[in-house]
Amino acid sequence: MEPSVLAPRKPKPPKWWILVTIAAGVFGSFIAIAFAGDGRYVVPPFTMDLSARPAPAGKTEFEIKPTVTGVSPGFAEAGTHAAPLAFRVTVTDVNGLVPSDAAKASTPGGFADFMKANGKDAVRSFALKVGIVSLLGSLIAGLAISMGRWQRVVGSLLSGVVTLAVLGGLTAATYDADEFKKTNYRSTTGTPADNVPTDLLPGG
């Protein structure tokens, strides 16, 4: 009887592939957020676009478009959290604006309070969308580098899960909307916006 011939073992990939897999999950997550981390929501009476993008330092931006009737356009930003993400709230339309709503949107601090009280559902839906987009990005990145090895796909996805958990946890733990009470609106040209009383402006 001839001795059986053992099939040669499949060589193990070099260990640096582990780092490549982790990096793919992280970068896939961030790239997906940058390209698809946005959505349109209604927080009565405002219609607004919410977006997220990678950033060197965590911040939130408010913008009121010139097309919004009843509220003067303006822009404000504040360093609200520690996670390396920039969030943006862009008010694009209004329906049934009353004076009290206009007053809430007239200062960044007032609008931050309005969002804290009324925008929870929109923010929750947006966060869920960003989370799904982030994980899909990690999955696609894993497939791109897998070369037929399912372990790399799983590893990249797990890396994305950890990345998302860190970003979400850090944002939730450090977010401080009161930082907007230290700011004022300015126009997109850098001058004070019309909806800010001059006595509230620095030096006013």
C-alpha atoms as a PDB file:
ATOM      1  CA  MET A   1       0.000   0.000   0.000  1.00  0.00           C
ATOM      2  CA  GLU A   2       1.400   3.368  -0.989  1.00  0.00           C
ATOM      3  CA  PRO A   3       1.795   5.886   1.796  1.00  0.00           C
ATOM      4  CA  SER A   4      -0.902   8.517   1.787  1.00  0.00           C
ATOM      5  CA  VAL A   5       0.136  11.904   0.568  1.00  0.00           C
ATOM      6  CA  LEU A   6      -0.836  14.740   2.890  1.00  0.00           C
ATOM      7  CA  ALA A   7      -2.041  17.920   1.265  1.00  0.00           C
ATOM      8  CA  PRO A   8       0.313  20.811   1.911  1.00  0.00           C
ATOM      9  CA  ARG A   9      -0.867  23.207   4.596  1.00  0.00           C
ATOM     10  CA  LYS A  10      -2.126  26.519   3.434  1.00  0.00           C
ATOM     11  CA  PRO A  11       0.435  29.107   4.497  1.00  0.00           C
ATOM     12  CA  LYS A  12      -0.723  31.554   7.143  1.00  0.00           C
ATOM     13  CA  PRO A  13      -0.859  35.193   6.111  1.00  0.00           C
ATOM     14  CA  PRO A  14       1.828  37.461   7.563  1.00  0.00           C
ATOM     15  CA  LYS A  15       0.901  39.106  10.837  1.00  0.00           C
ATOM     16  CA  TRP A  16       0.955  42.577   9.329  1.00  0.00           C
ATOM     17  CA  TRP A  17      -2.290  41.645   7.615  1.00  0.00           C
ATOM     18  CA  ILE A  18      -3.942  41.958  11.011  1.00  0.00           C
ATOM     19  CA  LEU A  19      -2.978  45.631  11.089  1.00  0.00           C
ATOM     20  CA  VAL A  20      -4.186  46.066   7.506  1.00  0.00           C
ATOM     21  CA  THR A  21      -7.527  44.530   8.435  1.00  0.00           C
ATOM     22  CA  ILE A  22      -7.949  46.777  11.478  1.00  0.00           C
ATOM     23  CA  ALA A  23      -6.992  49.854   9.465  1.00  0.00           C
ATOM     24  CA  ALA A  24      -9.441  48.901   6.711  1.00  0.00           C
ATOM     25  CA  GLY A  25     -12.274  48.744   9.204  1.00  0.00           C
ATOM     26  CA  VAL A  26     -11.411  52.122  10.716  1.00  0.00           C
ATOM     27  CA  PHE A  27     -10.867  53.940   7.419  1.00  0.00           C
ATOM     28  CA  GLY A  28     -13.874  52.289   5.814  1.00  0.00           C
ATOM     29  CA  SER A  29     -16.004  53.534   8.683  1.00  0.00           C
ATOM     30  CA  PHE A  30     -14.731  57.128   8.435  1.00  0.00           C
ATOM     31  CA  ILE A  31     -14.936  57.261   4.640  1.00  0.00           C
ATOM     32  CA  ALA A  32     -18.519  56.002   4.674  1.00  0.00           C
ATOM     33  CA  ILE A  33     -19.494  58.634   7.240  1.00  0.00           C
ATOM     34  CA  ALA A  34     -17.825  61.350   5.153  1.00  0.00           C
ATOM     35  CA  PHE A  35     -19.723  60.408   1.983  1.00  0.00           C
ATOM     36  CA  ALA A  36     -23.091  59.241   3.315  1.00  0.00           C
ATOM     37  CA  GLY A  37     -23.432  60.579   6.869  1.00  0.00           C
ATOM     38  CA  ASP A  38     -26.299  62.985   6.241  1.00  0.00           C
ATOM     39  CA  GLY A  39     -30.072  63.163   6.164  1.00  0.00           C
ATOM     40  CA  ARG A  40     -33.060  65.513   6.124  1.00  0.00           C
ATOM     41  CA  TYR A  41     -35.352  65.711   9.143  1.00  0.00           C
ATOM     42  CA  VAL A  42     -38.290  67.792  10.363  1.00  0.00           C
ATOM     43  CA  VAL A  43     -38.210  69.258  13.856  1.00  0.00           C
ATOM     44  CA  PRO A  44     -41.338  71.448  13.755  1.00  0.00           C
ATOM     45  CA  PRO A  45     -41.426  74.125  12.585  1.00  0.00           C
ATOM     46  CA  PHE A  46     -37.973  73.659  11.016  1.00  0.00           C
ATOM     47  CA  THR A  47     -36.840  71.411   8.204  1.00  0.00           C
ATOM     48  CA  MET A  48     -33.138  70.711   8.601  1.00  0.00           C
ATOM     49  CA  ASP A  49     -30.259  68.734   7.160  1.00  0.00           C
ATOM     50  CA  LEU A  50     -28.098  66.867   9.673  1.00  0.00           C
ATOM     51  CA  SER A  51     -24.646  65.695   8.666  1.00  0.00           C
ATOM     52  CA  ALA A  52     -21.471  64.253  10.159  1.00  0.00           C
ATOM     53  CA  ARG A  53     -17.938  64.115   8.833  1.00  0.00           C
ATOM     54  CA  PRO A  54     -14.503  63.205  10.185  1.00  0.00           C
ATOM     55  CA  ALA A  55     -12.661  66.169  11.695  1.00  0.00           C
ATOM     56  CA  PRO A  56      -9.444  66.817  13.625  1.00  0.00           C
ATOM     57  CA  ALA A  57     -11.470  68.114  16.584  1.00  0.00           C
ATOM     58  CA  GLY A  58     -15.061  67.558  17.620  1.00  0.00           C
ATOM     59  CA  LYS A  59     -17.448  70.417  16.910  1.00  0.00           C
ATOM     60  CA  THR A  60     -21.030  71.208  15.960  1.00  0.00           C
ATOM     61  CA  GLU A  61     -22.077  73.784  13.383  1.00  0.00           C
ATOM     62  CA  PHE A  62     -25.408  75.585  13.052  1.00  0.00           C
ATOM     63  CA  GLU A  63     -26.421  77.241   9.808  1.00  0.00           C
ATOM     64  CA  ILE A  64     -29.641  79.024   8.908  1.00  0.00           C
ATOM     65  CA  LYS A  65     -30.014  79.322   5.154  1.00  0.00           C
ATOM     66  CA  PRO A  66     -31.024  82.665   3.576  1.00  0.00           C
ATOM     67  CA  THR A  67     -34.125  80.957   2.138  1.00  0.00           C
ATOM     68  CA  VAL A  68     -35.636  80.438   5.618  1.00  0.00           C
ATOM     69  CA  THR A  69     -38.503  82.902   6.087  1.00  0.00           C
ATOM     70  CA  GLY A  70     -38.814  84.677   9.411  1.00  0.00           C
ATOM     71  CA  VAL A  71     -35.304  84.025  10.716  1.00  0.00           C
ATOM     72  CA  SER A  72     -32.216  85.892   9.569  1.00  0.00           C
ATOM     73  CA  PRO A  73     -29.466  83.725   8.065  1.00  0.00           C
ATOM     74  CA  GLY A  74     -26.375  82.991  10.105  1.00  0.00           C
ATOM     75  CA  PHE A  75     -23.658  80.513  11.009  1.00  0.00           C
ATOM     76  CA  ALA A  76     -22.206  79.446  14.356  1.00  0.00           C
ATOM     77  CA  GLU A  77     -19.907  76.685  15.549  1.00  0.00           C
ATOM     78  CA  ALA A  78     -18.730  75.399  18.915  1.00  0.00           C
ATOM     79  CA  GLY A  79     -16.356  72.741  20.216  1.00  0.00           C
ATOM     80  CA  THR A  80     -19.055  70.574  21.732  1.00  0.00           C
ATOM     81  CA  HIS A  81     -17.448  67.128  22.121  1.00  0.00           C
ATOM     82  CA  ALA A  82     -14.190  65.176  22.104  1.00  0.00           C
ATOM     83  CA  ALA A  83     -14.844  62.638  19.323  1.00  0.00           C
ATOM     84  CA  PRO A  84     -13.130  63.493  15.992  1.00  0.00           C
ATOM     85  CA  LEU A  85     -16.391  64.243  14.213  1.00  0.00           C
ATOM     86  CA  ALA A  86     -17.971  67.477  13.018  1.00  0.00           C
ATOM     87  CA  PHE A  87     -21.769  67.623  13.149  1.00  0.00           C
ATOM     88  CA  ARG A  88     -23.737  70.171  11.163  1.00  0.00           C
ATOM     89  CA  VAL A  89     -27.341  71.293  11.525  1.00  0.00           C
ATOM     90  CA  THR A  90     -28.541  73.269   8.510  1.00  0.00           C
ATOM     91  CA  VAL A  91     -32.003  74.833   8.695  1.00  0.00           C
ATOM     92  CA  THR A  92     -33.343  74.875   5.130  1.00  0.00           C
ATOM     93  CA  ASP A  93     -37.047  75.635   5.518  1.00  0.00           C
ATOM     94  CA  VAL A  94     -39.731  76.551   8.013  1.00  0.00           C
ATOM     95  CA  ASN A  95     -43.444  75.813   8.178  1.00  0.00           C
ATOM     96  CA  GLY A  96     -45.772  77.642  10.566  1.00  0.00           C
ATOM     97  CA  LEU A  97     -43.169  79.750  12.328  1.00  0.00           C
ATOM     98  CA  VAL A  98     -44.433  81.648  15.352  1.00  0.00           C
ATOM     99  CA  PRO A  99     -42.585  84.450  17.200  1.00  0.00           C
ATOM    100  CA  SER A 100     -41.502  82.151  20.040  1.00  0.00           C
ATOM    101  CA  ASP A 101     -39.863  79.767  17.543  1.00  0.00           C
ATOM    102  CA  ALA A 102     -38.136  82.653  15.816  1.00  0.00           C
ATOM    103  CA  ALA A 103     -36.809  83.798  19.182  1.00  0.00           C
ATOM    104  CA  LYS A 104     -35.433  80.319  19.905  1.00  0.00           C
ATOM    105  CA  ALA A 105     -33.513  80.305  16.648  1.00  0.00           C
ATOM    106  CA  SER A 106     -32.236  83.881  17.007  1.00  0.00           C
ATOM    107  CA  THR A 107     -29.169  82.883  19.053  1.00  0.00           C
ATOM    108  CA  PRO A 108     -26.978  79.759  18.851  1.00  0.00           C
ATOM    109  CA  GLY A 109     -27.555  79.015  22.536  1.00  0.00           C
ATOM    110  CA  GLY A 110     -31.316  79.304  22.137  1.00  0.00           C
ATOM    111  CA  PHE A 111     -31.293  77.034  19.107  1.00  0.00           C
ATOM    112  CA  ALA A 112     -29.134  74.496  20.977  1.00  0.00           C
ATOM    113  CA  ASP A 113     -31.735  74.470  23.764  1.00  0.00           C
ATOM    114  CA  PHE A 114     -34.497  74.069  21.181  1.00  0.00           C
ATOM    115  CA  MET A 115     -32.730  71.055  19.627  1.00  0.00           C
ATOM    116  CA  LYS A 116     -32.122  69.526  23.058  1.00  0.00           C
ATOM    117  CA  ALA A 117     -35.815  69.781  23.906  1.00  0.00           C
ATOM    118  CA  ASN A 118     -37.410  69.003  20.543  1.00  0.00           C
ATOM    119  CA  GLY A 119     -34.862  67.294  18.319  1.00  0.00           C
ATOM    120  CA  LYS A 120     -34.319  64.022  20.198  1.00  0.00           C
ATOM    121  CA  ASP A 121     -36.170  61.842  17.676  1.00  0.00           C
ATOM    122  CA  ALA A 122     -34.393  63.403  14.711  1.00  0.00           C
ATOM    123  CA  VAL A 123     -30.994  63.095  16.384  1.00  0.00           C
ATOM    124  CA  ARG A 124     -31.698  59.474  17.321  1.00  0.00           C
ATOM    125  CA  SER A 125     -32.726  58.591  13.755  1.00  0.00           C
ATOM    126  CA  PHE A 126     -29.669  60.375  12.384  1.00  0.00           C
ATOM    127  CA  ALA A 127     -27.340  58.571  14.799  1.00  0.00           C
ATOM    128  CA  LEU A 128     -28.835  55.223  13.752  1.00  0.00           C
ATOM    129  CA  LYS A 129     -28.298  56.042  10.092  1.00  0.00           C
ATOM    130  CA  VAL A 130     -24.697  57.107  10.717  1.00  0.00           C
ATOM    131  CA  GLY A 131     -24.081  53.883  12.630  1.00  0.00           C
ATOM    132  CA  ILE A 132     -25.418  51.720   9.796  1.00  0.00           C
ATOM    133  CA  VAL A 133     -23.446  53.679   7.207  1.00  0.00           C
ATOM    134  CA  SER A 134     -20.295  53.341   9.307  1.00  0.00           C
ATOM    135  CA  LEU A 135     -20.610  49.552   9.605  1.00  0.00           C
ATOM    136  CA  LEU A 136     -21.371  49.158   5.906  1.00  0.00           C
ATOM    137  CA  GLY A 137     -18.202  51.094   5.157  1.00  0.00           C
ATOM    138  CA  SER A 138     -16.152  48.737   7.312  1.00  0.00           C
ATOM    139  CA  LEU A 139     -17.780  45.708   5.681  1.00  0.00           C
ATOM    140  CA  ILE A 140     -17.077  46.976   2.162  1.00  0.00           C
ATOM    141  CA  ALA A 141     -13.477  47.770   3.123  1.00  0.00           C
ATOM    142  CA  GLY A 142     -13.096  44.227   4.471  1.00  0.00           C
ATOM    143  CA  LEU A 143     -14.428  42.741   1.250  1.00  0.00           C
ATOM    144  CA  ALA A 144     -12.030  44.909  -0.747  1.00  0.00           C
ATOM    145  CA  ILE A 145      -8.963  43.522   1.034  1.00  0.00           C
ATOM    146  CA  SER A 146     -10.225  40.015   1.729  1.00  0.00           C
ATOM    147  CA  MET A 147      -8.704  38.171  -1.252  1.00  0.00           C
ATOM    148  CA  GLY A 148     -11.062  35.323  -0.503  1.00  0.00           C
ATOM    149  CA  ARG A 149     -10.354  35.168   3.237  1.00  0.00           C
ATOM    150  CA  TRP A 150     -13.560  35.626   5.200  1.00  0.00           C
ATOM    151  CA  GLN A 151     -11.540  36.244   8.363  1.00  0.00           C
ATOM    152  CA  ARG A 152     -10.448  39.603   6.950  1.00  0.00           C
ATOM    153  CA  VAL A 153     -14.042  40.590   6.269  1.00  0.00           C
ATOM    154  CA  VAL A 154     -15.057  39.685   9.820  1.00  0.00           C
ATOM    155  CA  GLY A 155     -11.980  41.394  11.255  1.00  0.00           C
ATOM    156  CA  SER A 156     -12.646  44.594   9.344  1.00  0.00           C
ATOM    157  CA  LEU A 157     -16.286  44.593  10.435  1.00  0.00           C
ATOM    158  CA  LEU A 158     -15.290  44.057  14.078  1.00  0.00           C
ATOM    159  CA  SER A 159     -12.821  46.908  13.758  1.00  0.00           C
ATOM    160  CA  GLY A 160     -15.683  49.064  12.487  1.00  0.00           C
ATOM    161  CA  VAL A 161     -17.863  48.038  15.422  1.00  0.00           C
ATOM    162  CA  VAL A 162     -15.149  49.084  17.877  1.00  0.00           C
ATOM    163  CA  THR A 163     -14.604  52.362  15.998  1.00  0.00           C
ATOM    164  CA  LEU A 164     -18.317  53.137  16.081  1.00  0.00           C
ATOM    165  CA  ALA A 165     -18.549  52.274  19.781  1.00  0.00           C
ATOM    166  CA  VAL A 166     -15.625  54.577  20.605  1.00  0.00           C
ATOM    167  CA  LEU A 167     -16.995  57.466  18.521  1.00  0.00           C
ATOM    168  CA  GLY A 168     -20.507  57.106  19.895  1.00  0.00           C
ATOM    169  CA  GLY A 169     -19.404  56.645  23.486  1.00  0.00           C
ATOM    170  CA  LEU A 170     -16.983  59.557  23.382  1.00  0.00           C
ATOM    171  CA  THR A 171     -19.571  61.831  21.799  1.00  0.00           C
ATOM    172  CA  ALA A 172     -22.267  60.907  24.317  1.00  0.00           C
ATOM    173  CA  ALA A 173     -19.926  61.247  27.289  1.00  0.00           C
ATOM    174  CA  THR A 174     -18.481  64.633  26.364  1.00  0.00           C
ATOM    175  CA  TYR A 175     -21.183  66.449  24.367  1.00  0.00           C
ATOM    176  CA  ASP A 176     -21.983  69.868  25.824  1.00  0.00           C
ATOM    177  CA  ALA A 177     -24.539  71.930  23.901  1.00  0.00           C
ATOM    178  CA  ASP A 178     -24.054  74.804  26.364  1.00  0.00           C
ATOM    179  CA  GLU A 179     -20.844  75.647  24.490  1.00  0.00           C
ATOM    180  CA  PHE A 180     -23.106  77.440  21.994  1.00  0.00           C
ATOM    181  CA  LYS A 181     -24.043  79.933  24.692  1.00  0.00           C
ATOM    182  CA  LYS A 182     -20.509  81.288  24.352  1.00  0.00           C
ATOM    183  CA  THR A 183     -20.955  82.007  20.629  1.00  0.00           C
ATOM    184  CA  ASN A 184     -22.860  84.358  18.333  1.00  0.00           C
ATOM    185  CA  TYR A 185     -24.146  83.972  14.821  1.00  0.00           C
ATOM    186  CA  ARG A 186     -22.098  85.412  12.024  1.00  0.00           C
ATOM    187  CA  SER A 187     -22.856  85.679   8.351  1.00  0.00           C
ATOM    188  CA  THR A 188     -21.131  83.414   5.868  1.00  0.00           C
ATOM    189  CA  THR A 189     -18.893  86.360   4.979  1.00  0.00           C
ATOM    190  CA  GLY A 190     -17.599  86.515   8.544  1.00  0.00           C
ATOM    191  CA  THR A 191     -19.555  89.585   9.660  1.00  0.00           C
ATOM    192  CA  PRO A 192     -22.119  89.546  12.494  1.00  0.00           C
ATOM    193  CA  ALA A 193     -25.498  88.168  11.391  1.00  0.00           C
ATOM    194  CA  ASP A 194     -28.559  90.402  11.386  1.00  0.00           C
ATOM    195  CA  ASN A 195     -30.438  88.164  13.818  1.00  0.00           C
ATOM    196  CA  VAL A 196     -28.070  88.952  16.677  1.00  0.00           C
ATOM    197  CA  PRO A 197     -28.772  92.156  18.660  1.00  0.00           C
ATOM    198  CA  THR A 198     -25.714  94.371  18.605  1.00  0.00           C
ATOM    199  CA  ASP A 199     -25.603  94.550  22.394  1.00  0.00           C
ATOM    200  CA  LEU A 200     -24.987  90.771  22.473  1.00  0.00           C
ATOM    201  CA  LEU A 201     -22.023  90.931  20.138  1.00  0.00           C
ATOM    202  CA  PRO A 202     -18.445  91.187  21.423  1.00  0.00           C
ATOM    203  CA  GLY A 203     -17.761  94.848  22.016  1.00  0.00           C
ATOM    204  CA  GLY A 204     -21.441  95.699  21.478  1.00  0.00           C
END
